[in-house]
Amino acid sequence: MHRFTRWGLRKYIPHESMQAMATIRHIRKEEGKNTEFTWNGQLVEGVKLDRFVGREACDAHGDEVYTRGRFLVRHNTSTGFSC
């Protein structure tokens, strides 16, 4: 058994958690608020969330980006999110 498993830790942030963080960060950004997330006590860098959103963007329609799964992230085209 690996130590991570024994300790109850994961090496990577689960997909569902990253989706939730990206969605929350985007909503708060539209409200003019800054948001920081931590995972297992470590700060999740904004660049990491940006990469995740870039990987997940699969279809752009107007000012919306639909991601795989249940989450919808709305954006302004000037933010750099693109398919």
Protein backbone atom coordinates (compact mmCIF):
# COMPACT_ATOMS: atom_id res chain seq x y z
CA MET A 1 0.00 0.00 0.00
CA HIS A 2 1.34 3.42 -0.97
CA ARG A 3 1.90 6.03 1.69
CA PHE A 4 -0.49 8.47 0.02
CA THR A 5 -3.26 5.88 0.29
CA ARG A 6 -2.39 5.12 3.89
CA TRP A 7 -2.43 8.80 4.76
CA GLY A 8 -5.69 9.42 2.90
CA LEU A 9 -4.06 11.83 0.43
CA ARG A 10 -4.26 12.18 -3.34
CA LYS A 11 -1.42 13.29 -5.57
CA TYR A 12 -3.68 15.31 -7.86
CA ILE A 13 -6.77 17.41 -7.23
CA PRO A 14 -9.89 15.47 -8.35
CA HIS A 15 -11.59 16.67 -11.52
CA GLU A 16 -14.87 17.49 -9.74
CA SER A 17 -13.05 19.64 -7.18
CA MET A 18 -11.19 21.55 -9.89
CA GLN A 19 -14.49 22.17 -11.72
CA ALA A 20 -16.07 23.51 -8.55
CA MET A 21 -13.07 25.77 -7.80
CA ALA A 22 -13.00 27.13 -11.37
CA THR A 23 -16.74 27.84 -11.31
CA ILE A 24 -16.64 29.54 -7.90
CA ARG A 25 -13.57 31.59 -8.85
CA HIS A 26 -15.23 32.77 -12.07
CA ILE A 27 -18.48 33.78 -10.35
CA ARG A 28 -16.58 35.69 -7.66
CA LYS A 29 -14.34 37.31 -10.27
CA GLU A 30 -17.45 38.67 -12.02
CA GLU A 31 -18.47 40.15 -8.65
CA GLY A 32 -15.06 41.84 -8.38
CA LYS A 33 -13.83 39.55 -5.59
CA ASN A 34 -10.50 37.76 -5.36
CA THR A 35 -10.59 34.09 -4.30
CA GLU A 36 -7.87 31.71 -3.15
CA PHE A 37 -8.31 27.97 -2.68
CA THR A 38 -6.32 25.44 -0.70
CA TRP A 39 -6.11 21.70 -1.22
CA ASN A 40 -4.58 19.53 1.52
CA GLY A 41 -3.20 22.69 3.08
CA GLN A 42 -1.50 23.84 -0.14
CA LEU A 43 -2.49 26.96 -2.05
CA VAL A 44 -4.01 26.18 -5.46
CA GLU A 45 -2.38 28.61 -7.85
CA GLY A 46 -4.58 30.62 -10.20
CA VAL A 47 -2.40 29.48 -13.10
CA LYS A 48 -3.31 25.87 -12.32
CA LEU A 49 -7.03 26.74 -12.46
CA ASP A 50 -6.47 28.66 -15.72
CA ARG A 51 -4.81 25.59 -17.28
CA PHE A 52 -7.69 23.40 -16.10
CA VAL A 53 -10.30 25.72 -17.63
CA GLY A 54 -8.29 25.84 -20.87
CA ARG A 55 -8.18 22.04 -21.06
CA GLU A 56 -11.88 21.68 -20.30
CA ALA A 57 -13.20 24.29 -22.71
CA CYS A 58 -14.63 22.28 -25.56
CA ASP A 59 -17.33 24.39 -27.22
CA ALA A 60 -17.74 28.17 -27.31
CA HIS A 61 -21.09 29.83 -28.04
CA GLY A 62 -21.13 33.60 -27.72
CA ASP A 63 -19.99 34.47 -24.21
CA GLU A 64 -20.29 30.97 -22.73
CA VAL A 65 -17.87 28.07 -22.48
CA TYR A 66 -19.39 24.67 -21.84
CA THR A 67 -17.21 22.21 -20.01
CA ARG A 68 -17.46 18.44 -19.92
CA GLY A 69 -19.69 17.30 -17.09
CA ARG A 70 -22.23 19.33 -15.16
CA PHE A 71 -20.59 22.73 -14.84
CA LEU A 72 -21.04 25.79 -17.01
CA VAL A 73 -18.49 28.57 -16.86
CA ARG A 74 -19.59 31.91 -18.29
CA HIS A 75 -16.86 34.23 -19.44
CA ASN A 76 -16.02 37.39 -21.27
CA THR A 77 -14.01 36.73 -24.44
CA SER A 78 -11.34 39.18 -23.26
CA THR A 79 -10.42 36.88 -20.33
CA GLY A 80 -8.44 34.56 -22.57
CA PHE A 81 -10.66 31.47 -22.25
CA SER A 82 -10.94 29.95 -25.67
CA CYS A 83 -11.43 26.62 -27.38
